[in-house]
PDB file of all heavy atoms in Angstrom:
ATOM      1  N   TRP A   1     111.731 105.676  83.922  1.00  0.00           N
ATOM      2  CA  TRP A   1     112.781 105.026  84.898  1.00  0.00           C
ATOM      3  C   TRP A   1     112.717 105.806  86.146  1.00  0.00           C
ATOM      4  O   TRP A   1     113.003 105.236  87.312  1.00  0.00           O
ATOM      5  CB  TRP A   1     114.155 105.205  84.160  1.00  0.00           C
ATOM      6  CG  TRP A   1     114.344 104.242  83.075  1.00  0.00           C
ATOM      7  CD1 TRP A   1     114.086 104.411  81.798  1.00  0.00           C
ATOM      8  CD2 TRP A   1     114.895 102.931  83.255  1.00  0.00           C
ATOM      9  NE1 TRP A   1     114.347 103.211  81.098  1.00  0.00           N
ATOM     10  CE2 TRP A   1     114.857 102.338  81.951  1.00  0.00           C
ATOM     11  CE3 TRP A   1     115.275 102.126  84.330  1.00  0.00           C
ATOM     12  CZ2 TRP A   1     115.324 101.089  81.797  1.00  0.00           C
ATOM     13  CZ3 TRP A   1     115.734 100.861  84.160  1.00  0.00           C
ATOM     14  CH2 TRP A   1     115.803 100.359  82.996  1.00  0.00           C
ATOM     15  N   ALA A   2     112.583 107.177  86.094  1.00  0.00           N
ATOM     16  CA  ALA A   2     112.544 107.910  87.364  1.00  0.00           C
ATOM     17  C   ALA A   2     111.323 107.507  88.311  1.00  0.00           C
ATOM     18  O   ALA A   2     111.538 107.385  89.401  1.00  0.00           O
ATOM     19  CB  ALA A   2     112.488 109.445  87.132  1.00  0.00           C
ATOM     20  N   PHE A   3     110.124 107.448  87.696  1.00  0.00           N
ATOM     21  CA  PHE A   3     109.005 107.000  88.453  1.00  0.00           C
ATOM     22  C   PHE A   3     109.119 105.550  88.973  1.00  0.00           C
ATOM     23  O   PHE A   3     108.719 105.167  90.092  1.00  0.00           O
ATOM     24  CB  PHE A   3     107.700 107.167  87.729  1.00  0.00           C
ATOM     25  CG  PHE A   3     107.312 108.575  87.449  1.00  0.00           C
ATOM     26  CD1 PHE A   3     107.037 108.960  86.143  1.00  0.00           C
ATOM     27  CD2 PHE A   3     107.172 109.380  88.409  1.00  0.00           C
ATOM     28  CE1 PHE A   3     106.672 110.377  85.880  1.00  0.00           C
ATOM     29  CE2 PHE A   3     106.678 110.790  88.291  1.00  0.00           C
ATOM     30  CZ  PHE A   3     106.481 111.136  87.047  1.00  0.00           C
ATOM     31  N   GLY A   4     109.832 104.766  88.132  1.00  0.00           N
ATOM     32  CA  GLY A   4     110.073 103.398  88.607  1.00  0.00           C
ATOM     33  C   GLY A   4     110.992 103.247  89.667  1.00  0.00           C
ATOM     34  O   GLY A   4     110.872 102.501  90.598  1.00  0.00           O
ATOM     35  N   ALA A   5     112.092 104.255  89.875  1.00  0.00           N
ATOM     36  CA  ALA A   5     112.892 104.171  90.958  1.00  0.00           C
ATOM     37  C   ALA A   5     112.087 104.552  92.193  1.00  0.00           C
ATOM     38  O   ALA A   5     112.441 104.126  93.305  1.00  0.00           O
ATOM     39  CB  ALA A   5     114.086 105.277  90.669  1.00  0.00           C
ATOM     40  N   CYS A   6     111.207 105.556  92.031  1.00  0.00           N
ATOM     41  CA  CYS A   6     110.398 105.925  93.247  1.00  0.00           C
ATOM     42  C   CYS A   6     109.584 104.686  93.689  1.00  0.00           C
ATOM     43  O   CYS A   6     109.419 104.415  94.916  1.00  0.00           O
ATOM     44  CB  CYS A   6     109.424 106.979  92.889  1.00  0.00           C
ATOM     45  SG  CYS A   6     110.304 108.565  92.526  1.00  0.00           S
ATOM     46  N   GLY A   7     108.985 103.902  92.711  1.00  0.00           N
ATOM     47  CA  GLY A   7     108.204 102.749  93.100  1.00  0.00           C
ATOM     48  C   GLY A   7     109.086 101.663  93.773  1.00  0.00           C
ATOM     49  O   GLY A   7     108.656 101.060  94.772  1.00  0.00           O
ATOM     50  N   VAL A   8     110.319 101.500  93.227  1.00  0.00           N
ATOM     51  CA  VAL A   8     111.236 100.540  93.928  1.00  0.00           C
ATOM     52  C   VAL A   8     111.568 101.022  95.366  1.00  0.00           C
ATOM     53  O   VAL A   8     111.715 100.252  96.318  1.00  0.00           O
ATOM     54  CB  VAL A   8     112.515 100.451  93.048  1.00  0.00           C
ATOM     55  CG1 VAL A   8     113.518  99.653  93.927  1.00  0.00           C
ATOM     56  CG2 VAL A   8     112.278  99.678  91.835  1.00  0.00           C
ATOM     57  N   GLY A   9     111.720 102.366  95.503  1.00  0.00           N
ATOM     58  CA  GLY A   9     112.016 102.804  96.850  1.00  0.00           C
ATOM     59  C   GLY A   9     110.815 102.488  97.845  1.00  0.00           C
ATOM     60  O   GLY A   9     111.125 102.191  98.959  1.00  0.00           O
ATOM     61  N   MET A  10     109.518 102.612  97.259  1.00  0.00           N
ATOM     62  CA  MET A  10     108.487 102.310  98.165  1.00  0.00           C
ATOM     63  C   MET A  10     108.393 100.819  98.572  1.00  0.00           C
ATOM     64  O   MET A  10     108.088 100.480  99.600  1.00  0.00           O
ATOM     65  CB  MET A  10     107.117 102.786  97.589  1.00  0.00           C
ATOM     66  CG  MET A  10     106.819 104.136  97.782  1.00  0.00           C
ATOM     67  SD  MET A  10     106.978 104.844  99.442  1.00  0.00           S
ATOM     68  CE  MET A  10     106.032 103.641 100.408  1.00  0.00           C
ATOM     69  N   LEU A  11     108.789 100.027  97.659  1.00  0.00           N
ATOM     70  CA  LEU A  11     108.914  98.521  97.835  1.00  0.00           C
ATOM     71  C   LEU A  11     109.987  98.226  98.903  1.00  0.00           C
ATOM     72  O   LEU A  11     109.796  97.400  99.771  1.00  0.00           O
ATOM     73  CB  LEU A  11     109.193  97.738  96.583  1.00  0.00           C
ATOM     74  CG  LEU A  11     108.032  97.821  95.492  1.00  0.00           C
ATOM     75  CD1 LEU A  11     108.517  97.130  94.224  1.00  0.00           C
ATOM     76  CD2 LEU A  11     106.758  97.179  96.014  1.00  0.00           C
ATOM     77  N   ILE A  12     111.040  98.985  98.747  1.00  0.00           N
ATOM     78  CA  ILE A  12     112.068  98.727  99.859  1.00  0.00           C
ATOM     79  C   ILE A  12     111.602  99.238 101.200  1.00  0.00           C
ATOM     80  O   ILE A  12     111.953  98.570 102.224  1.00  0.00           O
ATOM     81  CB  ILE A  12     113.353  99.544  99.429  1.00  0.00           C
ATOM     82  CG1 ILE A  12     113.915  98.980  98.148  1.00  0.00           C
ATOM     83  CG2 ILE A  12     114.472  99.529 100.609  1.00  0.00           C
ATOM     84  CD1 ILE A  12     115.240  99.682  97.641  1.00  0.00           C
ATOM     85  N   SER A  13     110.884 100.311 101.159  1.00  0.00           N
ATOM     86  CA  SER A  13     110.253 100.832 102.437  1.00  0.00           C
ATOM     87  C   SER A  13     109.273  99.731 102.997  1.00  0.00           C
ATOM     88  O   SER A  13     109.399  99.491 104.248  1.00  0.00           O
ATOM     89  CB  SER A  13     109.471 102.156 102.181  1.00  0.00           C
ATOM     90  OG  SER A  13     108.784 102.567 103.438  1.00  0.00           O
ATOM     91  N   ALA A  14     108.643  99.144 102.179  1.00  0.00           N
ATOM     92  CA  ALA A  14     107.609  98.108 102.676  1.00  0.00           C
ATOM     93  C   ALA A  14     108.279  96.955 103.091  1.00  0.00           C
ATOM     94  O   ALA A  14     107.952  96.263 104.155  1.00  0.00           O
ATOM     95  CB  ALA A  14     106.564  97.721 101.555  1.00  0.00           C
ATOM     96  N   LEU A  15     109.334  96.528 102.493  1.00  0.00           N
ATOM     97  CA  LEU A  15     110.167  95.330 102.938  1.00  0.00           C
ATOM     98  C   LEU A  15     110.850  95.618 104.134  1.00  0.00           C
ATOM     99  O   LEU A  15     110.972  94.723 105.024  1.00  0.00           O
ATOM    100  CB  LEU A  15     111.188  95.060 101.758  1.00  0.00           C
ATOM    101  CG  LEU A  15     112.120  93.774 102.004  1.00  0.00           C
ATOM    102  CD1 LEU A  15     111.313  92.627 102.107  1.00  0.00           C
ATOM    103  CD2 LEU A  15     113.159  93.743 100.914  1.00  0.00           C
ATOM    104  N   SER A  16     111.430  96.791 104.405  1.00  0.00           N
ATOM    105  CA  SER A  16     112.125  97.195 105.701  1.00  0.00           C
ATOM    106  C   SER A  16     111.170  97.106 106.871  1.00  0.00           C
ATOM    107  O   SER A  16     111.532  96.565 107.823  1.00  0.00           O
ATOM    108  CB  SER A  16     112.722  98.623 105.572  1.00  0.00           C
ATOM    109  OG  SER A  16     113.495  98.717 104.467  1.00  0.00           O
ATOM    110  N   PHE A  17     109.886  97.464 106.649  1.00  0.00           N
ATOM    111  CA  PHE A  17     108.880  97.524 107.626  1.00  0.00           C
ATOM    112  C   PHE A  17     108.506  96.001 108.020  1.00  0.00           C
ATOM    113  O   PHE A  17     108.373  95.558 109.144  1.00  0.00           O
ATOM    114  CB  PHE A  17     107.633  98.261 107.278  1.00  0.00           C
ATOM    115  CG  PHE A  17     106.615  98.330 108.339  1.00  0.00           C
ATOM    116  CD1 PHE A  17     106.756  99.205 109.287  1.00  0.00           C
ATOM    117  CD2 PHE A  17     105.526  97.473 108.239  1.00  0.00           C
ATOM    118  CE1 PHE A  17     105.807  99.325 110.364  1.00  0.00           C
ATOM    119  CE2 PHE A  17     104.520  97.446 109.168  1.00  0.00           C
ATOM    120  CZ  PHE A  17     104.699  98.441 110.237  1.00  0.00           C
ATOM    121  N   ALA A  18     108.360  95.191 106.917  1.00  0.00           N
ATOM    122  CA  ALA A  18     107.951  93.711 107.084  1.00  0.00           C
ATOM    123  C   ALA A  18     109.143  93.027 107.943  1.00  0.00           C
ATOM    124  O   ALA A  18     108.746  92.276 108.862  1.00  0.00           O
ATOM    125  CB  ALA A  18     107.747  93.121 105.795  1.00  0.00           C
ATOM    126  N   ILE A  19     110.386  93.302 107.603  1.00  0.00           N
ATOM    127  CA  ILE A  19     111.407  92.664 108.251  1.00  0.00           C
ATOM    128  C   ILE A  19     111.633  93.083 109.780  1.00  0.00           C
ATOM    129  O   ILE A  19     111.878  92.259 110.533  1.00  0.00           O
ATOM    130  CB  ILE A  19     112.786  92.854 107.523  1.00  0.00           C
ATOM    131  CG1 ILE A  19     112.743  92.152 106.164  1.00  0.00           C
ATOM    132  CG2 ILE A  19     113.900  92.214 108.337  1.00  0.00           C
ATOM    133  CD1 ILE A  19     113.842  92.460 105.195  1.00  0.00           C
ATOM    134  N   GLY A  20     111.349  94.445 109.982  1.00  0.00           N
ATOM    135  CA  GLY A  20     111.647  94.876 111.222  1.00  0.00           C
ATOM    136  C   GLY A  20     110.422  95.068 112.137  1.00  0.00           C
ATOM    137  O   GLY A  20     110.489  95.642 113.180  1.00  0.00           O
ATOM    138  N   ARG A  21     109.214  94.620 111.676  1.00  0.00           N
ATOM    139  CA  ARG A  21     108.052  94.984 112.449  1.00  0.00           C
ATOM    140  C   ARG A  21     108.089  94.313 113.871  1.00  0.00           C
ATOM    141  O   ARG A  21     107.422  94.625 114.702  1.00  0.00           O
ATOM    142  CB  ARG A  21     106.809  94.489 111.710  1.00  0.00           C
ATOM    143  CG  ARG A  21     106.738  93.099 111.388  1.00  0.00           C
ATOM    144  CD  ARG A  21     105.454  92.791 110.527  1.00  0.00           C
ATOM    145  NE  ARG A  21     104.259  92.965 111.314  1.00  0.00           N
ATOM    146  CZ  ARG A  21     103.062  93.042 110.796  1.00  0.00           C
ATOM    147  NH1 ARG A  21     102.970  92.863 109.433  1.00  0.00           N
ATOM    148  NH2 ARG A  21     101.881  93.255 111.514  1.00  0.00           N
ATOM    149  N   LYS A  22     108.858  93.278 114.076  1.00  0.00           N
ATOM    150  CA  LYS A  22     108.863  92.492 115.384  1.00  0.00           C
ATOM    151  C   LYS A  22     109.398  93.498 116.491  1.00  0.00           C
ATOM    152  O   LYS A  22     109.207  93.264 117.611  1.00  0.00           O
ATOM    153  CB  LYS A  22     109.693  91.264 115.157  1.00  0.00           C
ATOM    154  CG  LYS A  22     111.130  91.525 114.910  1.00  0.00           C
ATOM    155  CD  LYS A  22     111.805  90.187 114.821  1.00  0.00           C
ATOM    156  CE  LYS A  22     113.393  90.441 114.398  1.00  0.00           C
ATOM    157  NZ  LYS A  22     114.075  89.113 114.131  1.00  0.00           N
ATOM    158  N   TYR A  23     110.148  94.576 116.054  1.00  0.00           N
ATOM    159  CA  TYR A  23     110.846  95.545 117.079  1.00  0.00           C
ATOM    160  C   TYR A  23     109.851  96.684 117.261  1.00  0.00           C
ATOM    161  O   TYR A  23     110.181  97.493 118.089  1.00  0.00           O
ATOM    162  CB  TYR A  23     112.041  96.026 116.461  1.00  0.00           C
ATOM    163  CG  TYR A  23     113.142  94.941 116.233  1.00  0.00           C
ATOM    164  CD1 TYR A  23     113.492  94.570 115.080  1.00  0.00           C
ATOM    165  CD2 TYR A  23     113.700  94.403 117.420  1.00  0.00           C
ATOM    166  CE1 TYR A  23     114.685  93.635 114.884  1.00  0.00           C
ATOM    167  CE2 TYR A  23     114.725  93.413 117.259  1.00  0.00           C
ATOM    168  CZ  TYR A  23     115.178  93.088 115.996  1.00  0.00           C
ATOM    169  OH  TYR A  23     116.117  92.144 115.836  1.00  0.00           O
ATOM    170  N   LEU A  24     108.585  96.701 116.667  1.00  0.00           N
ATOM    171  CA  LEU A  24     107.755  97.825 116.839  1.00  0.00           C
ATOM    172  C   LEU A  24     106.613  97.400 117.871  1.00  0.00           C
ATOM    173  O   LEU A  24     106.159  96.322 117.975  1.00  0.00           O
ATOM    174  CB  LEU A  24     107.198  98.194 115.401  1.00  0.00           C
ATOM    175  CG  LEU A  24     108.209  98.601 114.415  1.00  0.00           C
ATOM    176  CD1 LEU A  24     107.494  98.898 113.173  1.00  0.00           C
ATOM    177  CD2 LEU A  24     109.000  99.849 114.895  1.00  0.00           C
ATOM    178  N   PRO A  25     106.043  98.490 118.535  1.00  0.00           N
ATOM    179  CA  PRO A  25     104.879  98.203 119.357  1.00  0.00           C
ATOM    180  C   PRO A  25     103.628  97.777 118.702  1.00  0.00           C
ATOM    181  O   PRO A  25     103.410  98.204 117.593  1.00  0.00           O
ATOM    182  CB  PRO A  25     104.758  99.525 120.090  1.00  0.00           C
ATOM    183  CG  PRO A  25     105.168 100.555 118.994  1.00  0.00           C
ATOM    184  CD  PRO A  25     106.520  99.957 118.444  1.00  0.00           C
ATOM    185  N   GLN A  26     102.934  96.819 119.379  1.00  0.00           N
ATOM    186  CA  GLN A  26     101.792  96.338 118.724  1.00  0.00           C
ATOM    187  C   GLN A  26     100.569  97.158 119.004  1.00  0.00           C
ATOM    188  O   GLN A  26      99.528  97.193 118.274  1.00  0.00           O
ATOM    189  CB  GLN A  26     101.417  94.910 119.266  1.00  0.00           C
ATOM    190  CG  GLN A  26     102.544  93.949 118.918  1.00  0.00           C
ATOM    191  CD  GLN A  26     102.158  92.504 119.228  1.00  0.00           C
ATOM    192  OE1 GLN A  26     101.026  92.212 119.521  1.00  0.00           O
ATOM    193  NE2 GLN A  26     103.094  91.556 119.315  1.00  0.00           N
ATOM    194  N   GLY A  27     100.630  97.938 119.982  1.00  0.00           N
ATOM    195  CA  GLY A  27      99.527  98.766 120.350  1.00  0.00           C
ATOM    196  C   GLY A  27      99.766  99.913 121.262  1.00  0.00           C
ATOM    197  O   GLY A  27     101.010 100.291 121.514  1.00  0.00           O
ATOM    198  N   GLN A  28      98.772 100.521 121.969  1.00  0.00           N
ATOM    199  CA  GLN A  28      98.962 101.626 122.853  1.00  0.00           C
ATOM    200  C   GLN A  28      99.715 101.139 124.064  1.00  0.00           C
ATOM    201  O   GLN A  28      99.488 100.156 124.583  1.00  0.00           O
ATOM    202  CB  GLN A  28      97.571 102.238 123.224  1.00  0.00           C
ATOM    203  CG  GLN A  28      97.691 103.557 123.829  1.00  0.00           C
ATOM    204  CD  GLN A  28      97.697 104.612 122.934  1.00  0.00           C
ATOM    205  OE1 GLN A  28      98.590 104.692 122.050  1.00  0.00           O
ATOM    206  NE2 GLN A  28      96.696 105.525 122.960  1.00  0.00           N
ATOM    207  N   ARG A  29     100.691 102.064 124.540  1.00  0.00           N
ATOM    208  CA  ARG A  29     101.457 101.891 125.867  1.00  0.00           C
ATOM    209  C   ARG A  29     100.411 101.999 126.858  1.00  0.00           C
ATOM    210  O   ARG A  29      99.454 102.907 127.003  1.00  0.00           O
ATOM    211  CB  ARG A  29     102.421 102.742 126.067  1.00  0.00           C
ATOM    212  CG  ARG A  29     103.725 102.354 125.203  1.00  0.00           C
ATOM    213  CD  ARG A  29     104.920 103.305 125.514  1.00  0.00           C
ATOM    214  NE  ARG A  29     106.178 102.916 124.898  1.00  0.00           N
ATOM    215  CZ  ARG A  29     106.899 101.965 125.374  1.00  0.00           C
ATOM    216  NH1 ARG A  29     106.658 101.316 126.468  1.00  0.00           N
ATOM    217  NH2 ARG A  29     108.021 101.615 124.674  1.00  0.00           N
ATOM    218  N   ARG A  30     100.634 101.263 128.023  1.00  0.00           N
ATOM    219  CA  ARG A  30      99.619 101.329 129.194  1.00  0.00           C
ATOM    220  C   ARG A  30      99.711 102.765 129.855  1.00  0.00           C
ATOM    221  O   ARG A  30      98.721 103.329 130.133  1.00  0.00           O
ATOM    222  CB  ARG A  30     100.116 100.266 130.232  1.00  0.00           C
ATOM    223  CG  ARG A  30      99.216 100.266 131.522  1.00  0.00           C
ATOM    224  CD  ARG A  30      99.764  99.338 132.506  1.00  0.00           C
ATOM    225  NE  ARG A  30     101.130  99.581 132.919  1.00  0.00           N
ATOM    226  CZ  ARG A  30     101.382 100.474 133.864  1.00  0.00           C
ATOM    227  NH1 ARG A  30     100.412 101.135 134.384  1.00  0.00           N
ATOM    228  NH2 ARG A  30     102.648 100.651 134.217  1.00  0.00           N
ATOM    229  N   GLU A  31     100.947 103.374 129.919  1.00  0.00           N
ATOM    230  CA  GLU A  31     100.940 104.651 130.514  1.00  0.00           C
ATOM    231  C   GLU A  31     100.233 105.641 129.765  1.00  0.00           C
ATOM    232  O   GLU A  31      99.686 106.616 130.302  1.00  0.00           O
ATOM    233  CB  GLU A  31     102.512 105.062 130.538  1.00  0.00           C
ATOM    234  CG  GLU A  31     103.327 104.332 131.549  1.00  0.00           C
ATOM    235  CD  GLU A  31     103.839 102.886 130.989  1.00  0.00           C
ATOM    236  OE1 GLU A  31     103.369 102.704 129.767  1.00  0.00           O
ATOM    237  OE2 GLU A  31     104.424 102.092 131.666  1.00  0.00           O
ATOM    238  N   GLN A  32     100.302 105.639 128.381  1.00  0.00           N
ATOM    239  CA  GLN A  32      99.557 106.541 127.604  1.00  0.00           C
ATOM    240  C   GLN A  32      98.045 106.334 127.739  1.00  0.00           C
ATOM    241  O   GLN A  32      97.265 107.224 127.647  1.00  0.00           O
ATOM    242  CB  GLN A  32     100.045 106.458 126.137  1.00  0.00           C
ATOM    243  CG  GLN A  32     101.420 107.067 125.923  1.00  0.00           C
ATOM    244  CD  GLN A  32     101.830 106.892 124.459  1.00  0.00           C
ATOM    245  OE1 GLN A  32     101.637 105.832 123.840  1.00  0.00           O
ATOM    246  NE2 GLN A  32     102.458 107.878 123.935  1.00  0.00           N
ATOM    247  N   SER A  33      97.695 105.118 127.862  1.00  0.00           N
ATOM    248  CA  SER A  33      96.238 104.831 127.992  1.00  0.00           C
ATOM    249  C   SER A  33      95.745 105.407 129.411  1.00  0.00           C
ATOM    250  O   SER A  33      94.574 105.922 129.378  1.00  0.00           O
ATOM    251  CB  SER A  33      96.012 103.294 127.993  1.00  0.00           C
ATOM    252  OG  SER A  33      96.313 102.813 126.846  1.00  0.00           O
ATOM    253  N   VAL A  34      96.474 105.277 130.479  1.00  0.00           N
ATOM    254  CA  VAL A  34      96.212 105.695 131.740  1.00  0.00           C
ATOM    255  C   VAL A  34      96.032 107.264 131.632  1.00  0.00           C
ATOM    256  O   VAL A  34      95.052 107.801 132.141  1.00  0.00           O
ATOM    257  CB  VAL A  34      97.179 105.332 132.768  1.00  0.00           C
ATOM    258  CG1 VAL A  34      96.976 106.078 134.086  1.00  0.00           C
ATOM    259  CG2 VAL A  34      97.167 103.916 132.995  1.00  0.00           C
ATOM    260  N   GLU A  35      97.006 107.887 130.918  1.00  0.00           N
ATOM    261  CA  GLU A  35      96.915 109.335 130.880  1.00  0.00           C
ATOM    262  C   GLU A  35      95.667 109.779 130.082  1.00  0.00           C
ATOM    263  O   GLU A  35      94.956 110.722 130.565  1.00  0.00           O
ATOM    264  CB  GLU A  35      98.151 109.916 130.248  1.00  0.00           C
ATOM    265  CG  GLU A  35      98.143 111.447 130.169  1.00  0.00           C
ATOM    266  CD  GLU A  35      99.224 112.019 129.258  1.00  0.00           C
ATOM    267  OE1 GLU A  35      99.685 111.318 128.317  1.00  0.00           O
ATOM    268  OE2 GLU A  35      99.594 113.126 129.329  1.00  0.00           O
ATOM    269  N   ALA A  36      95.440 109.084 128.988  1.00  0.00           N
ATOM    270  CA  ALA A  36      94.262 109.401 128.213  1.00  0.00           C
ATOM    271  C   ALA A  36      93.010 109.351 129.017  1.00  0.00           C
ATOM    272  O   ALA A  36      92.086 110.122 128.909  1.00  0.00           O
ATOM    273  CB  ALA A  36      94.244 108.555 126.968  1.00  0.00           C
ATOM    274  N   VAL A  37      92.871 108.128 129.772  1.00  0.00           N
ATOM    275  CA  VAL A  37      91.588 108.034 130.617  1.00  0.00           C
ATOM    276  C   VAL A  37      91.464 109.140 131.633  1.00  0.00           C
ATOM    277  O   VAL A  37      90.435 109.704 131.852  1.00  0.00           O
ATOM    278  CB  VAL A  37      91.664 106.684 131.244  1.00  0.00           C
ATOM    279  CG1 VAL A  37      90.526 106.566 132.255  1.00  0.00           C
ATOM    280  CG2 VAL A  37      91.530 105.528 130.230  1.00  0.00           C
ATOM    281  N   HIS A  38      92.571 109.552 132.195  1.00  0.00           N
ATOM    282  CA  HIS A  38      92.567 110.557 133.218  1.00  0.00           C
ATOM    283  C   HIS A  38      92.180 111.930 132.612  1.00  0.00           C
ATOM    284  O   HIS A  38      91.146 112.595 133.137  1.00  0.00           O
ATOM    285  CB  HIS A  38      93.973 110.691 133.810  1.00  0.00           C
ATOM    286  CG  HIS A  38      94.071 112.043 134.678  1.00  0.00           C
ATOM    287  ND1 HIS A  38      93.555 112.041 135.917  1.00  0.00           N
ATOM    288  CD2 HIS A  38      94.756 113.142 134.487  1.00  0.00           C
ATOM    289  CE1 HIS A  38      93.737 113.217 136.436  1.00  0.00           C
ATOM    290  NE2 HIS A  38      94.512 113.886 135.545  1.00  0.00           N
ATOM    291  N   ILE A  39      92.579 112.179 131.389  1.00  0.00           N
ATOM    292  CA  ILE A  39      92.282 113.373 130.759  1.00  0.00           C
ATOM    293  C   ILE A  39      90.852 113.443 130.289  1.00  0.00           C
ATOM    294  O   ILE A  39      90.074 114.364 130.615  1.00  0.00           O
ATOM    295  CB  ILE A  39      93.099 113.736 129.534  1.00  0.00           C
ATOM    296  CG1 ILE A  39      94.625 114.045 130.046  1.00  0.00           C
ATOM    297  CG2 ILE A  39      92.713 114.887 128.654  1.00  0.00           C
ATOM    298  CD1 ILE A  39      95.624 114.229 128.867  1.00  0.00           C
ATOM    299  N   SER A  40      90.449 112.315 129.716  1.00  0.00           N
ATOM    300  CA  SER A  40      89.059 112.288 129.300  1.00  0.00           C
ATOM    301  C   SER A  40      88.064 112.262 130.371  1.00  0.00           C
ATOM    302  O   SER A  40      86.897 112.524 130.255  1.00  0.00           O
ATOM    303  CB  SER A  40      88.818 111.027 128.413  1.00  0.00           C
ATOM    304  OG  SER A  40      89.074 109.884 128.987  1.00  0.00           O
ATOM    305  N   GLY A  41      88.471 111.935 131.626  1.00  0.00           N
ATOM    306  CA  GLY A  41      87.568 111.795 132.867  1.00  0.00           C
ATOM    307  C   GLY A  41      87.348 113.138 133.493  1.00  0.00           C
ATOM    308  O   GLY A  41      86.648 113.275 134.330  1.00  0.00           O
ATOM    309  N   ASP A  42      88.436 114.060 133.191  1.00  0.00           N
ATOM    310  CA  ASP A  42      88.262 115.373 133.846  1.00  0.00           C
ATOM    311  C   ASP A  42      87.956 116.377 132.827  1.00  0.00           C
ATOM    312  O   ASP A  42      88.925 116.745 132.000  1.00  0.00           O
ATOM    313  CB  ASP A  42      89.598 115.654 134.491  1.00  0.00           C
ATOM    314  CG  ASP A  42      89.648 116.929 135.258  1.00  0.00           C
ATOM    315  OD1 ASP A  42      88.668 117.775 135.041  1.00  0.00           O
ATOM    316  OD2 ASP A  42      90.639 117.155 135.928  1.00  0.00           O
ATOM    317  N   PRO A  43      86.758 117.051 132.802  1.00  0.00           N
ATOM    318  CA  PRO A  43      86.420 118.019 131.764  1.00  0.00           C
ATOM    319  C   PRO A  43      87.407 119.141 131.705  1.00  0.00           C
ATOM    320  O   PRO A  43      87.750 119.561 130.679  1.00  0.00           O
ATOM    321  CB  PRO A  43      85.046 118.348 132.010  1.00  0.00           C
ATOM    322  CG  PRO A  43      84.494 117.224 132.762  1.00  0.00           C
ATOM    323  CD  PRO A  43      85.618 116.673 133.535  1.00  0.00           C
ATOM    324  N   SER A  44      87.701 119.739 132.845  1.00  0.00           N
ATOM    325  CA  SER A  44      88.671 120.876 132.860  1.00  0.00           C
ATOM    326  C   SER A  44      90.123 120.459 132.268  1.00  0.00           C
ATOM    327  O   SER A  44      90.702 121.311 131.656  1.00  0.00           O
ATOM    328  CB  SER A  44      88.790 121.370 134.219  1.00  0.00           C
ATOM    329  OG  SER A  44      89.320 120.343 135.203  1.00  0.00           O
TER     330      SER A  44
END
């Protein structure tokens, strides 16, 4: 029963993510991409 409760908890976690995923970013932010390109383009 205890392990089953943990399994149910993970199912609730998955369901919460499925319901609310529309509020989450789909990919990298443009500002972070620009910074990453800047850093990777300057060895120092």
